[in-house]
Structure formats: structure tokens, C-alpha cells
Amino acid sequence: MSAQLKPTDIFSADDKCEFHGAAALPLPSSFNPGSIYVRVHIRIHTPSYRIVSNSHPQFPDAESNDAFYEQMGALLSDEHMIVDGTYARTFGEVPERLHIHPDDLNGLVSLDRLVRIVEAIKSGKSKESSLRWIDIYAICEELDDDEKLNRLTYYREELAETLLDSAYTGKRKVYRDITGHGLFYEYGAINSGFPGLQFVEHFSTGMG
């Protein structure tokens, strides 16, 4: 599968899933798709979180708080993620991570794991929460060096212009530090409107 994904390619037709930015654009035909990871917000509804106030939500008591995190933690553990407080992680060659919150689960996960998590929420494995919708903000791929070079070469002129624009200050010999201005995501993904430039990097197993 490639960045030319449609919601119905992943989830059932009754699920609301939206793609944003470059994630909504098709890959150029010369690109060879790799294994897919997604930067996602899984929007959920947790009624007990809004009993006290809808505008300033919080759990009414420690028992409700514990019930949510225990049930969602168990659900994610069943999907082979290691739960530590408000985070769930994997430590494989490509680390995955989700932040756990009563309104959403957000982070970077493999496409296969995302589908399983969504199905688990829909099936009621977490009795405290239900699925609202899914927002996908980036489609990241696991690629070999040759394919990365192929893609960077394809976008060479556009990337050069983007880098220059990001570094430009209007002063001679004075340039902006582009690493601190949102040009790059973590895991090597380039924050741009170019589909196919969102990469995930390999890490040694157990050292993610």
C-alpha cells in the first residue's frame, strides 16, 4: 500500500477517517512503497471524563481515572505494546509510541497495529471509551537507502527551495537554524507538502 490510501482501504465504511496534508496526496508513480507507519490521532469518547464539566474535563474521582487507564492499558498491551504510565511503546527496529489520553490516543504506529487497535476499541475491550474518528497526519514509510535517495533526487529542486526559504533571514551571511523551526519531524520525516518524504528510521532492537 502507498500514500494513495483511502479510508475504506483501512477501515470499514462506517468509520470516519480523515487524511491531512501530504498524507492525503498520492505517491509519484516512480516511488516503490515501503512498510507503512502513521502519525495518528485516534479520537475517543470517555463519558466519565466529562461528568464534572465539558469545558474543563476531568475524571470525577480516582476510581474513574484508574478504570480508564487500566482498561486502555490492557487493550494496548494485548496489541503487544509496553504500557508505562500515559504512554504505550514498542522497542523493535522501528519504535512505535502512543500517548494515552481520555480524548485520544496519538503518536506513531504501524498501519497494521492501528487497524487492530481501532477494531479493539470498537469491540468494547475498553468499557470506559468508544471510538469517535481517526485523523491521519502523516504516512511514514520504512525504506532502504536506495529508495530514499530515489525520492530525494526526485524532489531535489523543490527541497533546495524549501531549505533556502526556511533558512532565509534577509541578511547576508545570517541564516536561520532550520532544525528548530518545524522543518523536520522526529524519525527522519520531513515536514513538507511532498508525499513520500516521511521516513521512519531503523534502530537496534531493544534500544528504541
C-alpha atoms as a PDB file:
ATOM      1  CA  MET A   1       0.000   0.000   0.000  1.00  0.00           C
ATOM      2  CA  SER A   2       1.157   3.559  -0.574  1.00  0.00           C
ATOM      3  CA  ALA A   3       0.307   7.120   0.361  1.00  0.00           C
ATOM      4  CA  GLN A   4      -2.607   6.746  -2.067  1.00  0.00           C
ATOM      5  CA  LEU A   5      -4.607   5.209   0.756  1.00  0.00           C
ATOM      6  CA  LYS A   6      -8.307   5.827   1.164  1.00  0.00           C
ATOM      7  CA  PRO A   7     -10.172   5.474   4.461  1.00  0.00           C
ATOM      8  CA  THR A   8     -12.064   2.448   3.131  1.00  0.00           C
ATOM      9  CA  ASP A   9      -8.732   0.778   2.282  1.00  0.00           C
ATOM     10  CA  ILE A  10      -8.021   0.618   6.015  1.00  0.00           C
ATOM     11  CA  PHE A  11     -11.268   0.731   7.972  1.00  0.00           C
ATOM     12  CA  SER A  12     -14.871  -0.224   7.397  1.00  0.00           C
ATOM     13  CA  ALA A  13     -17.082   2.216   5.528  1.00  0.00           C
ATOM     14  CA  ASP A  14     -18.874   3.331   8.709  1.00  0.00           C
ATOM     15  CA  ASP A  15     -15.644   4.565  10.333  1.00  0.00           C
ATOM     16  CA  LYS A  16     -14.777   8.236   9.967  1.00  0.00           C
ATOM     17  CA  CYS A  17     -11.128   8.632   8.945  1.00  0.00           C
ATOM     18  CA  GLU A  18      -9.543  11.805   7.601  1.00  0.00           C
ATOM     19  CA  PHE A  19      -6.133  12.303   5.969  1.00  0.00           C
ATOM     20  CA  HIS A  20      -4.360  15.644   6.378  1.00  0.00           C
ATOM     21  CA  GLY A  21      -1.585  17.419   4.457  1.00  0.00           C
ATOM     22  CA  ALA A  22       0.769  15.262   2.401  1.00  0.00           C
ATOM     23  CA  ALA A  23      -0.903  12.134   3.811  1.00  0.00           C
ATOM     24  CA  ALA A  24      -3.868  12.877   1.540  1.00  0.00           C
ATOM     25  CA  LEU A  25      -1.727  13.041  -1.618  1.00  0.00           C
ATOM     26  CA  PRO A  26      -0.795  10.131  -3.919  1.00  0.00           C
ATOM     27  CA  LEU A  27       2.778   8.904  -4.278  1.00  0.00           C
ATOM     28  CA  PRO A  28       4.525   9.626  -7.593  1.00  0.00           C
ATOM     29  CA  SER A  29       4.436   6.532  -9.808  1.00  0.00           C
ATOM     30  CA  SER A  30       8.238   6.161  -9.747  1.00  0.00           C
ATOM     31  CA  PHE A  31       8.262   5.514  -5.976  1.00  0.00           C
ATOM     32  CA  ASN A  32       8.355   1.994  -4.546  1.00  0.00           C
ATOM     33  CA  PRO A  33       6.159   1.875  -1.408  1.00  0.00           C
ATOM     34  CA  GLY A  34       7.596   0.554   1.836  1.00  0.00           C
ATOM     35  CA  SER A  35       6.095  -0.694   5.092  1.00  0.00           C
ATOM     36  CA  ILE A  36       3.704   1.943   6.400  1.00  0.00           C
ATOM     37  CA  TYR A  37       3.605   3.716   9.759  1.00  0.00           C
ATOM     38  CA  VAL A  38       1.190   6.537  10.515  1.00  0.00           C
ATOM     39  CA  ARG A  39       1.184   9.640  12.679  1.00  0.00           C
ATOM     40  CA  VAL A  40      -2.318   9.378  14.022  1.00  0.00           C
ATOM     41  CA  HIS A  41      -4.844  10.716  16.498  1.00  0.00           C
ATOM     42  CA  ILE A  42      -7.419   8.075  17.413  1.00  0.00           C
ATOM     43  CA  ARG A  43     -10.246  10.226  18.766  1.00  0.00           C
ATOM     44  CA  ILE A  44     -12.179   8.511  21.536  1.00  0.00           C
ATOM     45  CA  HIS A  45     -15.127   9.340  23.777  1.00  0.00           C
ATOM     46  CA  THR A  46     -14.761   8.695  27.506  1.00  0.00           C
ATOM     47  CA  PRO A  47     -18.026   9.800  29.203  1.00  0.00           C
ATOM     48  CA  SER A  48     -16.670   9.657  32.759  1.00  0.00           C
ATOM     49  CA  TYR A  49     -14.013  12.226  31.794  1.00  0.00           C
ATOM     50  CA  ARG A  50     -16.683  14.872  31.184  1.00  0.00           C
ATOM     51  CA  ILE A  51     -19.139  14.207  34.005  1.00  0.00           C
ATOM     52  CA  VAL A  52     -17.895  17.168  36.066  1.00  0.00           C
ATOM     53  CA  SER A  53     -17.509  19.690  33.220  1.00  0.00           C
ATOM     54  CA  ASN A  54     -17.500  19.559  29.442  1.00  0.00           C
ATOM     55  CA  SER A  55     -15.409  22.726  29.084  1.00  0.00           C
ATOM     56  CA  HIS A  56     -12.888  21.748  31.786  1.00  0.00           C
ATOM     57  CA  PRO A  57     -12.949  17.954  31.665  1.00  0.00           C
ATOM     58  CA  GLN A  58     -11.561  15.759  34.388  1.00  0.00           C
ATOM     59  CA  PHE A  59     -12.388  12.454  35.995  1.00  0.00           C
ATOM     60  CA  PRO A  60     -14.733  12.830  38.986  1.00  0.00           C
ATOM     61  CA  ASP A  61     -12.646  10.553  41.185  1.00  0.00           C
ATOM     62  CA  ALA A  62      -9.544   8.385  41.326  1.00  0.00           C
ATOM     63  CA  GLU A  63     -11.562   5.240  40.613  1.00  0.00           C
ATOM     64  CA  SER A  64     -12.767   6.573  37.238  1.00  0.00           C
ATOM     65  CA  ASN A  65      -9.258   7.710  36.347  1.00  0.00           C
ATOM     66  CA  ASP A  66      -7.790   4.317  37.241  1.00  0.00           C
ATOM     67  CA  ALA A  67     -10.522   2.439  35.367  1.00  0.00           C
ATOM     68  CA  PHE A  68      -9.798   4.311  32.132  1.00  0.00           C
ATOM     69  CA  TYR A  69      -6.023   3.879  32.226  1.00  0.00           C
ATOM     70  CA  GLU A  70      -6.221   0.251  33.354  1.00  0.00           C
ATOM     71  CA  GLN A  71      -8.654  -0.745  30.614  1.00  0.00           C
ATOM     72  CA  MET A  72      -6.932   1.201  27.834  1.00  0.00           C
ATOM     73  CA  GLY A  73      -3.561  -0.053  29.052  1.00  0.00           C
ATOM     74  CA  ALA A  74      -4.815  -3.642  28.918  1.00  0.00           C
ATOM     75  CA  LEU A  75      -6.157  -3.103  25.392  1.00  0.00           C
ATOM     76  CA  LEU A  76      -2.810  -1.758  24.160  1.00  0.00           C
ATOM     77  CA  SER A  77      -0.897  -4.482  25.999  1.00  0.00           C
ATOM     78  CA  ASP A  78      -2.961  -7.043  24.100  1.00  0.00           C
ATOM     79  CA  GLU A  79      -1.663  -5.380  20.912  1.00  0.00           C
ATOM     80  CA  HIS A  80       1.908  -6.052  22.075  1.00  0.00           C
ATOM     81  CA  MET A  81       2.713  -2.545  23.279  1.00  0.00           C
ATOM     82  CA  ILE A  82       4.508  -1.892  26.570  1.00  0.00           C
ATOM     83  CA  VAL A  83       2.421   0.466  28.702  1.00  0.00           C
ATOM     84  CA  ASP A  84       4.240   2.848  31.035  1.00  0.00           C
ATOM     85  CA  GLY A  85       2.025   5.453  32.666  1.00  0.00           C
ATOM     86  CA  THR A  86       0.361   7.512  29.960  1.00  0.00           C
ATOM     87  CA  TYR A  87       2.455   6.055  27.121  1.00  0.00           C
ATOM     88  CA  ALA A  88       2.426   2.782  25.219  1.00  0.00           C
ATOM     89  CA  ARG A  89       5.552   1.809  23.255  1.00  0.00           C
ATOM     90  CA  THR A  90       7.257  -0.851  21.213  1.00  0.00           C
ATOM     91  CA  PHE A  91      11.022  -1.285  21.113  1.00  0.00           C
ATOM     92  CA  GLY A  92      11.584  -3.004  17.775  1.00  0.00           C
ATOM     93  CA  GLU A  93      13.632  -1.840  14.810  1.00  0.00           C
ATOM     94  CA  VAL A  94      11.101   0.957  14.283  1.00  0.00           C
ATOM     95  CA  PRO A  95       9.920   2.240  17.691  1.00  0.00           C
ATOM     96  CA  GLU A  96       6.212   2.963  17.964  1.00  0.00           C
ATOM     97  CA  ARG A  97       4.621   5.144  20.620  1.00  0.00           C
ATOM     98  CA  LEU A  98       1.141   6.282  21.581  1.00  0.00           C
ATOM     99  CA  HIS A  99       0.237   8.874  24.191  1.00  0.00           C
ATOM    100  CA  ILE A 100      -2.828   7.756  26.139  1.00  0.00           C
ATOM    101  CA  HIS A 101      -5.455  10.413  26.935  1.00  0.00           C
ATOM    102  CA  PRO A 102      -9.211  10.153  27.622  1.00  0.00           C
ATOM    103  CA  ASP A 103      -9.912  12.144  24.435  1.00  0.00           C
ATOM    104  CA  ASP A 104      -7.445  10.459  22.091  1.00  0.00           C
ATOM    105  CA  LEU A 105      -4.513   8.132  21.531  1.00  0.00           C
ATOM    106  CA  ASN A 106      -1.843   9.848  19.462  1.00  0.00           C
ATOM    107  CA  GLY A 107       1.595   9.071  18.107  1.00  0.00           C
ATOM    108  CA  LEU A 108       3.374   6.889  15.555  1.00  0.00           C
ATOM    109  CA  VAL A 109       2.301   3.275  14.983  1.00  0.00           C
ATOM    110  CA  SER A 110       2.386   0.746  12.171  1.00  0.00           C
ATOM    111  CA  LEU A 111      -0.656   0.650   9.934  1.00  0.00           C
ATOM    112  CA  ASP A 112      -1.391  -2.963  10.904  1.00  0.00           C
ATOM    113  CA  ARG A 113      -1.274  -2.149  14.618  1.00  0.00           C
ATOM    114  CA  LEU A 114      -3.511   0.891  14.116  1.00  0.00           C
ATOM    115  CA  VAL A 115      -6.178  -1.255  12.472  1.00  0.00           C
ATOM    116  CA  ARG A 116      -6.061  -3.770  15.336  1.00  0.00           C
ATOM    117  CA  ILE A 117      -6.269  -1.037  17.995  1.00  0.00           C
ATOM    118  CA  VAL A 118      -9.243   0.613  16.285  1.00  0.00           C
ATOM    119  CA  GLU A 119     -11.041  -2.723  15.997  1.00  0.00           C
ATOM    120  CA  ALA A 120     -10.346  -3.461  19.680  1.00  0.00           C
ATOM    121  CA  ILE A 121     -11.833  -0.110  20.739  1.00  0.00           C
ATOM    122  CA  LYS A 122     -14.889  -0.693  18.542  1.00  0.00           C
ATOM    123  CA  SER A 123     -15.394  -4.160  20.005  1.00  0.00           C
ATOM    124  CA  GLY A 124     -15.681  -2.674  23.514  1.00  0.00           C
ATOM    125  CA  LYS A 125     -12.465  -4.040  25.016  1.00  0.00           C
ATOM    126  CA  SER A 126     -12.183  -0.753  26.890  1.00  0.00           C
ATOM    127  CA  LYS A 127     -15.590  -0.330  28.508  1.00  0.00           C
ATOM    128  CA  GLU A 128     -14.795   3.256  29.506  1.00  0.00           C
ATOM    129  CA  SER A 129     -14.284   4.574  25.940  1.00  0.00           C
ATOM    130  CA  SER A 130     -15.709   4.347  22.429  1.00  0.00           C
ATOM    131  CA  LEU A 131     -14.343   5.338  19.014  1.00  0.00           C
ATOM    132  CA  ARG A 132     -15.192   8.759  17.570  1.00  0.00           C
ATOM    133  CA  TRP A 133     -12.975   9.125  14.479  1.00  0.00           C
ATOM    134  CA  ILE A 134      -9.399   8.803  13.199  1.00  0.00           C
ATOM    135  CA  ASP A 135      -7.128  11.614  11.948  1.00  0.00           C
ATOM    136  CA  ILE A 136      -4.004  10.616   9.990  1.00  0.00           C
ATOM    137  CA  TYR A 137      -1.474  13.455   9.730  1.00  0.00           C
ATOM    138  CA  ALA A 138       1.464  11.680   8.087  1.00  0.00           C
ATOM    139  CA  ILE A 139       2.111   8.412   6.316  1.00  0.00           C
ATOM    140  CA  CYS A 140       5.688   7.365   7.087  1.00  0.00           C
ATOM    141  CA  GLU A 141       7.441   4.535   5.284  1.00  0.00           C
ATOM    142  CA  GLU A 142      10.244   2.135   6.141  1.00  0.00           C
ATOM    143  CA  LEU A 143      12.565   2.336   3.120  1.00  0.00           C
ATOM    144  CA  ASP A 144      16.030   1.196   2.109  1.00  0.00           C
ATOM    145  CA  ASP A 145      18.732   3.755   1.302  1.00  0.00           C
ATOM    146  CA  ASP A 146      18.349   3.369  -2.469  1.00  0.00           C
ATOM    147  CA  GLU A 147      14.662   4.232  -2.360  1.00  0.00           C
ATOM    148  CA  LYS A 148      15.293   7.196  -0.048  1.00  0.00           C
ATOM    149  CA  LEU A 149      17.894   8.515  -2.490  1.00  0.00           C
ATOM    150  CA  ASN A 150      15.458   7.992  -5.356  1.00  0.00           C
ATOM    151  CA  ARG A 151      12.857  10.127  -3.616  1.00  0.00           C
ATOM    152  CA  LEU A 152      15.234  12.859  -2.505  1.00  0.00           C
ATOM    153  CA  THR A 153      16.578  13.078  -6.062  1.00  0.00           C
ATOM    154  CA  TYR A 154      13.039  13.300  -7.442  1.00  0.00           C
ATOM    155  CA  TYR A 155      12.300  16.302  -5.185  1.00  0.00           C
ATOM    156  CA  ARG A 156      15.791  17.814  -5.359  1.00  0.00           C
ATOM    157  CA  GLU A 157      14.809  21.226  -6.730  1.00  0.00           C
ATOM    158  CA  GLU A 158      11.745  21.555  -4.503  1.00  0.00           C
ATOM    159  CA  LEU A 159      13.735  20.568  -1.414  1.00  0.00           C
ATOM    160  CA  ALA A 160      16.520  23.037  -2.198  1.00  0.00           C
ATOM    161  CA  GLU A 161      13.955  25.821  -2.470  1.00  0.00           C
ATOM    162  CA  THR A 162      12.262  24.754   0.778  1.00  0.00           C
ATOM    163  CA  LEU A 163      15.566  24.625   2.667  1.00  0.00           C
ATOM    164  CA  LEU A 164      16.624  28.044   1.392  1.00  0.00           C
ATOM    165  CA  ASP A 165      13.261  29.582   2.255  1.00  0.00           C
ATOM    166  CA  SER A 166      13.427  28.085   5.750  1.00  0.00           C
ATOM    167  CA  ALA A 167      16.943  29.405   6.382  1.00  0.00           C
ATOM    168  CA  TYR A 168      16.439  32.842   4.824  1.00  0.00           C
ATOM    169  CA  THR A 169      16.564  35.875   7.150  1.00  0.00           C
ATOM    170  CA  GLY A 170      17.003  38.724   4.668  1.00  0.00           C
ATOM    171  CA  LYS A 171      20.534  39.394   5.928  1.00  0.00           C
ATOM    172  CA  ARG A 172      23.786  38.470   4.219  1.00  0.00           C
ATOM    173  CA  LYS A 173      25.690  35.652   5.932  1.00  0.00           C
ATOM    174  CA  VAL A 174      22.966  35.252   8.554  1.00  0.00           C
ATOM    175  CA  TYR A 175      20.793  32.151   8.329  1.00  0.00           C
ATOM    176  CA  ARG A 176      18.043  30.701  10.446  1.00  0.00           C
ATOM    177  CA  ASP A 177      18.607  27.378  12.228  1.00  0.00           C
ATOM    178  CA  ILE A 178      16.170  25.209  10.281  1.00  0.00           C
ATOM    179  CA  THR A 179      16.309  22.367  12.811  1.00  0.00           C
ATOM    180  CA  GLY A 180      14.311  24.423  15.296  1.00  0.00           C
ATOM    181  CA  HIS A 181      11.574  25.682  13.004  1.00  0.00           C
ATOM    182  CA  GLY A 182       9.453  22.632  12.339  1.00  0.00           C
ATOM    183  CA  LEU A 183      11.062  21.567   9.055  1.00  0.00           C
ATOM    184  CA  PHE A 184      11.757  18.073  10.370  1.00  0.00           C
ATOM    185  CA  TYR A 185       9.675  15.612  12.343  1.00  0.00           C
ATOM    186  CA  GLU A 186      11.313  13.033  14.566  1.00  0.00           C
ATOM    187  CA  TYR A 187      12.273   9.691  12.959  1.00  0.00           C
ATOM    188  CA  GLY A 188      13.640  11.487   9.896  1.00  0.00           C
ATOM    189  CA  ALA A 189      10.333  12.675   8.469  1.00  0.00           C
ATOM    190  CA  ILE A 190      10.469  15.936   6.538  1.00  0.00           C
ATOM    191  CA  ASN A 191       7.602  18.272   7.392  1.00  0.00           C
ATOM    192  CA  SER A 192       6.596  19.221   3.874  1.00  0.00           C
ATOM    193  CA  GLY A 193       3.809  19.009   1.357  1.00  0.00           C
ATOM    194  CA  PHE A 194       5.711  16.409  -0.648  1.00  0.00           C
ATOM    195  CA  PRO A 195       4.185  12.909  -0.427  1.00  0.00           C
ATOM    196  CA  GLY A 196       6.704  10.143   0.107  1.00  0.00           C
ATOM    197  CA  LEU A 197       9.273  12.106   2.132  1.00  0.00           C
ATOM    198  CA  GLN A 198       8.069  10.911   5.519  1.00  0.00           C
ATOM    199  CA  PHE A 199      10.522   8.193   6.545  1.00  0.00           C
ATOM    200  CA  VAL A 200      10.951   6.065   9.635  1.00  0.00           C
ATOM    201  CA  GLU A 201      14.469   5.076  10.666  1.00  0.00           C
ATOM    202  CA  HIS A 202      15.830   1.767  11.890  1.00  0.00           C
ATOM    203  CA  PHE A 203      17.030   1.381  15.456  1.00  0.00           C
ATOM    204  CA  SER A 204      18.746  -1.577  17.081  1.00  0.00           C
ATOM    205  CA  THR A 205      16.225  -3.967  18.586  1.00  0.00           C
ATOM    206  CA  GLY A 206      15.602  -3.145  22.230  1.00  0.00           C
ATOM    207  CA  MET A 207      17.173   0.303  22.004  1.00  0.00           C
ATOM    208  CA  GLY A 208      14.273   2.327  20.591  1.00  0.00           C
END
